[in-house]
Structures are given as C-alpha cells and as structure tokens.
Amino acid sequence: MVENWTGTGASSECAEGVHGEEYFWWAIVQVYLQIEWCVKNVAMSIS
C-alpha cells in the first residue's frame, strides 16, 4: 500500500517522509481502524 502511494509520482522527499513520522502515524491509523473493525464485529455478534 505504501509502495503504491510513493509510486504515484511522489518526490523522493515524500517517500522519505513516509518512512519517518508520517509512516508512524499512518501505522497508528491502520491499527486503530483494525481494532475499530474488530470491536464492531464483536458487538454485532453479541447483540
């Protein structure tokens, strides 16, 4: 997913940024969405 994003004509600066702070936050968002999805599935299966 990250490779595709950096491969869309982004400059080398952007590519480096993804591996730094931006990638850190991107990873946190991915984990958060994964947890949210799991919580919704569990909530639906319980109700």
Protein backbone atom coordinates (compact mmCIF):
# COMPACT_ATOMS: atom_id res chain seq x y z
CA MET A 1 0.00 0.00 0.00
CA VAL A 2 2.83 2.40 0.89
CA GLU A 3 4.77 1.39 -2.23
CA ASN A 4 1.78 2.23 -4.41
CA TRP A 5 1.38 5.62 -2.75
CA THR A 6 5.03 6.57 -3.18
CA GLY A 7 4.95 5.22 -6.73
CA THR A 8 2.32 7.70 -7.91
CA GLY A 9 4.92 10.29 -8.95
CA ALA A 10 5.66 11.46 -5.41
CA SER A 11 9.02 13.14 -4.92
CA SER A 12 11.86 11.45 -3.03
CA GLU A 13 11.13 13.84 -0.16
CA CYS A 14 7.64 12.43 0.21
CA ALA A 15 8.94 8.87 0.03
CA GLU A 16 11.40 9.57 2.83
CA GLY A 17 8.68 11.27 4.88
CA VAL A 18 6.53 8.14 4.70
CA HIS A 19 9.27 6.15 6.39
CA GLY A 20 9.59 8.76 9.11
CA GLU A 21 6.92 10.46 11.19
CA GLU A 22 4.17 10.18 8.57
CA TYR A 23 4.61 6.42 8.34
CA PHE A 24 4.45 6.22 12.16
CA TRP A 25 1.08 8.00 12.22
CA TRP A 26 -0.13 6.05 9.19
CA ALA A 27 0.63 2.82 11.03
CA ILE A 28 -1.25 4.02 14.13
CA VAL A 29 -4.29 4.84 11.99
CA GLN A 30 -4.19 1.39 10.38
CA VAL A 31 -4.04 -0.30 13.78
CA TYR A 32 -6.86 1.90 15.09
CA LEU A 33 -9.08 1.06 12.10
CA GLN A 34 -8.32 -2.64 12.55
CA ILE A 35 -9.28 -2.50 16.24
CA GLU A 36 -12.43 -0.50 15.47
CA TRP A 37 -13.43 -3.08 12.85
CA CYS A 38 -12.89 -5.94 15.32
CA VAL A 39 -14.90 -4.16 18.03
CA LYS A 40 -17.81 -3.63 15.63
CA ASN A 41 -17.78 -7.29 14.59
CA VAL A 42 -17.73 -8.45 18.23
CA ALA A 43 -20.53 -6.03 19.15
CA MET A 44 -22.65 -7.29 16.26
CA SER A 45 -22.08 -10.95 17.12
CA ILE A 46 -23.01 -10.33 20.78
CA SER A 47 -26.25 -8.43 20.06
